[in-house]
C-alpha atoms as a PDB file:
ATOM      1  CA  MET A   1      -5.515   8.005 -36.262  1.00  0.00           C
ATOM      2  CA  LYS A   2      -4.609   4.324 -36.541  1.00  0.00           C
ATOM      3  CA  ILE A   3      -1.707   4.645 -34.082  1.00  0.00           C
ATOM      4  CA  LYS A   4      -3.975   6.241 -31.510  1.00  0.00           C
ATOM      5  CA  GLN A   5      -6.556   3.460 -31.896  1.00  0.00           C
ATOM      6  CA  PHE A   6      -3.835   0.814 -31.570  1.00  0.00           C
ATOM      7  CA  ARG A   7      -2.451   2.507 -28.454  1.00  0.00           C
ATOM      8  CA  ASN A   8      -5.935   2.728 -26.947  1.00  0.00           C
ATOM      9  CA  SER A   9      -6.506  -0.971 -27.675  1.00  0.00           C
ATOM     10  CA  LEU A  10      -3.227  -1.834 -25.945  1.00  0.00           C
ATOM     11  CA  ILE A  11      -4.241   0.232 -22.921  1.00  0.00           C
ATOM     12  CA  LEU A  12      -7.581  -1.615 -22.775  1.00  0.00           C
ATOM     13  CA  LEU A  13      -5.765  -4.944 -23.017  1.00  0.00           C
ATOM     14  CA  LEU A  14      -3.385  -3.926 -20.225  1.00  0.00           C
ATOM     15  CA  THR A  15      -6.326  -2.812 -18.066  1.00  0.00           C
ATOM     16  CA  ALA A  16      -8.177  -6.099 -18.616  1.00  0.00           C
ATOM     17  CA  THR A  17      -5.027  -8.080 -17.840  1.00  0.00           C
ATOM     18  CA  ILE A  18      -4.392  -6.209 -14.603  1.00  0.00           C
ATOM     19  CA  TRP A  19      -8.068  -6.518 -13.666  1.00  0.00           C
ATOM     20  CA  GLY A  20      -8.065 -10.268 -14.270  1.00  0.00           C
ATOM     21  CA  VAL A  21      -4.788 -10.946 -12.472  1.00  0.00           C
ATOM     22  CA  ALA A  22      -5.961  -8.896  -9.493  1.00  0.00           C
ATOM     23  CA  PHE A  23      -8.527 -11.521  -8.508  1.00  0.00           C
ATOM     24  CA  VAL A  24      -5.879 -14.200  -8.223  1.00  0.00           C
ATOM     25  CA  ALA A  25      -3.686 -11.833  -6.175  1.00  0.00           C
ATOM     26  CA  GLN A  26      -6.652 -10.994  -3.951  1.00  0.00           C
ATOM     27  CA  SER A  27      -7.434 -14.655  -3.423  1.00  0.00           C
ATOM     28  CA  LYS A  28      -3.821 -15.502  -2.565  1.00  0.00           C
ATOM     29  CA  GLY A  29      -3.521 -12.414  -0.350  1.00  0.00           C
ATOM     30  CA  MET A  30      -6.308 -13.722   1.837  1.00  0.00           C
ATOM     31  CA  ASP A  31      -3.995 -16.583   2.858  1.00  0.00           C
ATOM     32  CA  TYR A  32      -1.835 -14.066   4.746  1.00  0.00           C
ATOM     33  CA  VAL A  33      -3.977 -11.118   5.902  1.00  0.00           C
ATOM     34  CA  GLY A  34      -7.612 -10.277   6.546  1.00  0.00           C
ATOM     35  CA  PRO A  35      -9.873  -8.398   4.138  1.00  0.00           C
ATOM     36  CA  PHE A  36      -9.612  -5.036   5.904  1.00  0.00           C
ATOM     37  CA  THR A  37      -5.809  -5.140   6.042  1.00  0.00           C
ATOM     38  CA  PHE A  38      -5.622  -6.209   2.396  1.00  0.00           C
ATOM     39  CA  VAL A  39      -7.924  -3.432   1.142  1.00  0.00           C
ATOM     40  CA  PHE A  40      -6.266  -0.779   3.333  1.00  0.00           C
ATOM     41  CA  THR A  41      -2.796  -1.748   2.089  1.00  0.00           C
ATOM     42  CA  ARG A  42      -4.012  -1.890  -1.500  1.00  0.00           C
ATOM     43  CA  PHE A  43      -5.532   1.590  -1.284  1.00  0.00           C
ATOM     44  CA  ILE A  44      -2.417   3.055   0.379  1.00  0.00           C
ATOM     45  CA  ILE A  45      -0.173   1.625  -2.344  1.00  0.00           C
ATOM     46  CA  ALA A  46      -2.551   2.940  -5.027  1.00  0.00           C
ATOM     47  CA  GLY A  47      -2.542   6.389  -3.421  1.00  0.00           C
ATOM     48  CA  PHE A  48       1.249   6.564  -3.406  1.00  0.00           C
ATOM     49  CA  ALA A  49       1.360   5.278  -6.994  1.00  0.00           C
ATOM     50  CA  LEU A  50      -0.991   8.080  -8.085  1.00  0.00           C
ATOM     51  CA  LEU A  51       0.926  10.868  -6.328  1.00  0.00           C
ATOM     52  CA  PRO A  52       3.539  11.321  -9.100  1.00  0.00           C
ATOM     53  CA  ILE A  53       0.782  11.406 -11.721  1.00  0.00           C
ATOM     54  CA  VAL A  54      -1.133  14.057  -9.791  1.00  0.00           C
ATOM     55  CA  LEU A  55       2.007  16.146  -9.287  1.00  0.00           C
ATOM     56  CA  PHE A  56       2.977  15.828 -12.960  1.00  0.00           C
ATOM     57  CA  THR A  57      -0.524  16.850 -14.060  1.00  0.00           C
ATOM     58  CA  GLN A  58      -0.486  19.884 -11.773  1.00  0.00           C
ATOM     59  CA  LEU A  59       2.920  20.962 -13.057  1.00  0.00           C
ATOM     60  CA  LYS A  60       1.819  20.483 -16.656  1.00  0.00           C
ATOM     61  CA  ASN A  61      -1.344  22.553 -16.198  1.00  0.00           C
ATOM     62  CA  LYS A  62       0.066  25.807 -14.908  1.00  0.00           C
ATOM     63  CA  LYS A  63      -3.224  27.653 -15.293  1.00  0.00           C
ATOM     64  CA  LYS A  64      -5.369  26.654 -12.379  1.00  0.00           C
ATOM     65  CA  PRO A  65      -9.078  27.358 -12.564  1.00  0.00           C
ATOM     66  CA  LYS A  66     -10.425  29.345  -9.657  1.00  0.00           C
ATOM     67  CA  ILE A  67     -12.586  27.115  -7.495  1.00  0.00           C
ATOM     68  CA  GLU A  68     -15.061  28.802  -5.210  1.00  0.00           C
ATOM     69  CA  ALA A  69     -15.571  27.693  -1.618  1.00  0.00           C
ATOM     70  CA  ASN A  70     -19.007  26.214  -2.350  1.00  0.00           C
ATOM     71  CA  ASP A  71     -17.559  24.169  -5.229  1.00  0.00           C
ATOM     72  CA  LYS A  72     -14.785  22.887  -2.966  1.00  0.00           C
ATOM     73  CA  LYS A  73     -17.404  21.577  -0.533  1.00  0.00           C
ATOM     74  CA  VAL A  74     -19.270  19.802  -3.332  1.00  0.00           C
ATOM     75  CA  ILE A  75     -16.013  18.295  -4.655  1.00  0.00           C
ATOM     76  CA  ALA A  76     -14.964  17.172  -1.171  1.00  0.00           C
ATOM     77  CA  LEU A  77     -18.384  15.643  -0.449  1.00  0.00           C
ATOM     78  CA  GLY A  78     -18.401  13.883  -3.833  1.00  0.00           C
ATOM     79  CA  GLY A  79     -14.906  12.536  -3.245  1.00  0.00           C
ATOM     80  CA  LEU A  80     -15.828  11.372   0.250  1.00  0.00           C
ATOM     81  CA  LEU A  81     -18.956   9.579  -0.976  1.00  0.00           C
ATOM     82  CA  CYS A  82     -17.135   7.967  -3.912  1.00  0.00           C
ATOM     83  CA  GLY A  83     -14.352   6.802  -1.593  1.00  0.00           C
ATOM     84  CA  LEU A  84     -16.865   5.451   0.902  1.00  0.00           C
ATOM     85  CA  PHE A  85     -18.725   3.455  -1.750  1.00  0.00           C
ATOM     86  CA  LEU A  86     -15.511   2.220  -3.367  1.00  0.00           C
ATOM     87  CA  GLY A  87     -14.032   1.202  -0.011  1.00  0.00           C
ATOM     88  CA  THR A  88     -17.219  -0.567   1.078  1.00  0.00           C
ATOM     89  CA  ALA A  89     -17.512  -2.415  -2.236  1.00  0.00           C
ATOM     90  CA  SER A  90     -13.841  -3.439  -2.121  1.00  0.00           C
ATOM     91  CA  ILE A  91     -14.103  -4.746   1.431  1.00  0.00           C
ATOM     92  CA  LEU A  92     -17.302  -6.678   0.653  1.00  0.00           C
ATOM     93  CA  GLN A  93     -15.672  -8.144  -2.448  1.00  0.00           C
ATOM     94  CA  GLN A  94     -12.598  -9.109  -0.447  1.00  0.00           C
ATOM     95  CA  ILE A  95     -14.730 -10.775   2.223  1.00  0.00           C
ATOM     96  CA  GLY A  96     -16.560 -12.678  -0.534  1.00  0.00           C
ATOM     97  CA  ILE A  97     -13.291 -13.888  -2.054  1.00  0.00           C
ATOM     98  CA  GLN A  98     -12.604 -15.727   1.207  1.00  0.00           C
ATOM     99  CA  TYR A  99     -15.557 -18.002   0.494  1.00  0.00           C
ATOM    100  CA  THR A 100     -15.340 -18.607  -3.268  1.00  0.00           C
ATOM    101  CA  THR A 101     -12.903 -18.916  -6.147  1.00  0.00           C
ATOM    102  CA  ALA A 102     -11.238 -16.004  -7.915  1.00  0.00           C
ATOM    103  CA  GLY A 103     -13.098 -16.944 -11.114  1.00  0.00           C
ATOM    104  CA  LYS A 104     -16.512 -16.740  -9.482  1.00  0.00           C
ATOM    105  CA  ALA A 105     -15.632 -13.459  -7.797  1.00  0.00           C
ATOM    106  CA  GLY A 106     -14.482 -12.098 -11.150  1.00  0.00           C
ATOM    107  CA  PHE A 107     -17.734 -13.219 -12.781  1.00  0.00           C
ATOM    108  CA  ILE A 108     -19.894 -11.596 -10.117  1.00  0.00           C
ATOM    109  CA  THR A 109     -17.871  -8.376 -10.273  1.00  0.00           C
ATOM    110  CA  ALA A 110     -18.003  -8.289 -14.073  1.00  0.00           C
ATOM    111  CA  LEU A 111     -21.792  -8.342 -13.946  1.00  0.00           C
ATOM    112  CA  TYR A 112     -21.510  -4.551 -13.821  1.00  0.00           C
ATOM    113  CA  ILE A 113     -21.657  -4.957 -17.617  1.00  0.00           C
ATOM    114  CA  VAL A 114     -25.320  -5.816 -17.103  1.00  0.00           C
ATOM    115  CA  ILE A 115     -25.945  -3.408 -14.249  1.00  0.00           C
ATOM    116  CA  VAL A 116     -24.775  -0.269 -16.084  1.00  0.00           C
ATOM    117  CA  PRO A 117     -27.395  -0.427 -18.894  1.00  0.00           C
ATOM    118  CA  ILE A 118     -30.089  -1.285 -16.336  1.00  0.00           C
ATOM    119  CA  LEU A 119     -29.097   1.750 -14.261  1.00  0.00           C
ATOM    120  CA  GLY A 120     -29.230   3.726 -17.494  1.00  0.00           C
ATOM    121  CA  LEU A 121     -32.875   2.715 -17.900  1.00  0.00           C
ATOM    122  CA  ILE A 122     -33.596   3.862 -14.359  1.00  0.00           C
ATOM    123  CA  PHE A 123     -32.092   7.260 -15.211  1.00  0.00           C
ATOM    124  CA  LYS A 124     -34.018   7.357 -18.515  1.00  0.00           C
ATOM    125  CA  LYS A 125     -30.955   6.729 -20.711  1.00  0.00           C
ATOM    126  CA  LYS A 126     -31.960   4.208 -23.355  1.00  0.00           C
ATOM    127  CA  CYS A 127     -29.483   1.751 -24.828  1.00  0.00           C
ATOM    128  CA  SER A 128     -29.536   0.470 -28.369  1.00  0.00           C
ATOM    129  CA  ASN A 129     -30.372  -3.129 -29.216  1.00  0.00           C
ATOM    130  CA  LEU A 130     -26.702  -3.623 -30.079  1.00  0.00           C
ATOM    131  CA  VAL A 131     -25.765  -2.725 -26.490  1.00  0.00           C
ATOM    132  CA  TRP A 132     -28.249  -5.261 -25.102  1.00  0.00           C
ATOM    133  CA  LEU A 133     -26.970  -7.926 -27.501  1.00  0.00           C
ATOM    134  CA  SER A 134     -23.430  -7.118 -26.362  1.00  0.00           C
ATOM    135  CA  VAL A 135     -24.500  -7.407 -22.718  1.00  0.00           C
ATOM    136  CA  ILE A 136     -25.944 -10.868 -23.348  1.00  0.00           C
ATOM    137  CA  ILE A 137     -22.855 -12.051 -25.243  1.00  0.00           C
ATOM    138  CA  ALA A 138     -20.524 -10.601 -22.586  1.00  0.00           C
ATOM    139  CA  THR A 139     -22.468 -12.270 -19.773  1.00  0.00           C
ATOM    140  CA  PHE A 140     -22.265 -15.688 -21.433  1.00  0.00           C
ATOM    141  CA  GLY A 141     -18.618 -15.122 -22.305  1.00  0.00           C
ATOM    142  CA  LEU A 142     -17.788 -14.181 -18.736  1.00  0.00           C
ATOM    143  CA  TYR A 143     -19.639 -17.225 -17.473  1.00  0.00           C
ATOM    144  CA  PHE A 144     -17.677 -19.597 -19.709  1.00  0.00           C
ATOM    145  CA  LEU A 145     -14.443 -17.795 -18.915  1.00  0.00           C
ATOM    146  CA  CYS A 146     -14.862 -17.729 -15.132  1.00  0.00           C
ATOM    147  CA  MET A 147     -16.782 -20.893 -14.211  1.00  0.00           C
ATOM    148  CA  LYS A 148     -15.049 -24.247 -14.315  1.00  0.00           C
ATOM    149  CA  GLU A 149     -17.052 -26.532 -12.021  1.00  0.00           C
ATOM    150  CA  GLY A 150     -20.074 -28.460 -13.285  1.00  0.00           C
END
């Protein structure tokens, strides 16, 4: 069990590193292309990078569950809406990066740490006091990590 926990911790560290470095890349990318071109190119590259994973997963899982036509419509609509929201959020973030530093953009984006428990309250999912304490600590930590002026 320890090896699995260590591996999972390394994956989280890798994810955080990629996430953090992405803001600098986004900021520098704006020196060469506009926000729409940057996001479009980023999504195309991500799509091609995921293709081998999707193909490998399909080959690995030879038993395919039967999906009814009505379920396919729900899946397609859900995918379309998720893509629309993700694309809109990415473009708005990219436009915002033109006018501020990568650190500030990272701070604002990382505020989802606060937003998720609040959305949980809206959907009647209560969080423990430990979660709220963690949210407060994370918010201050992000602030000190991302803000350098003043």
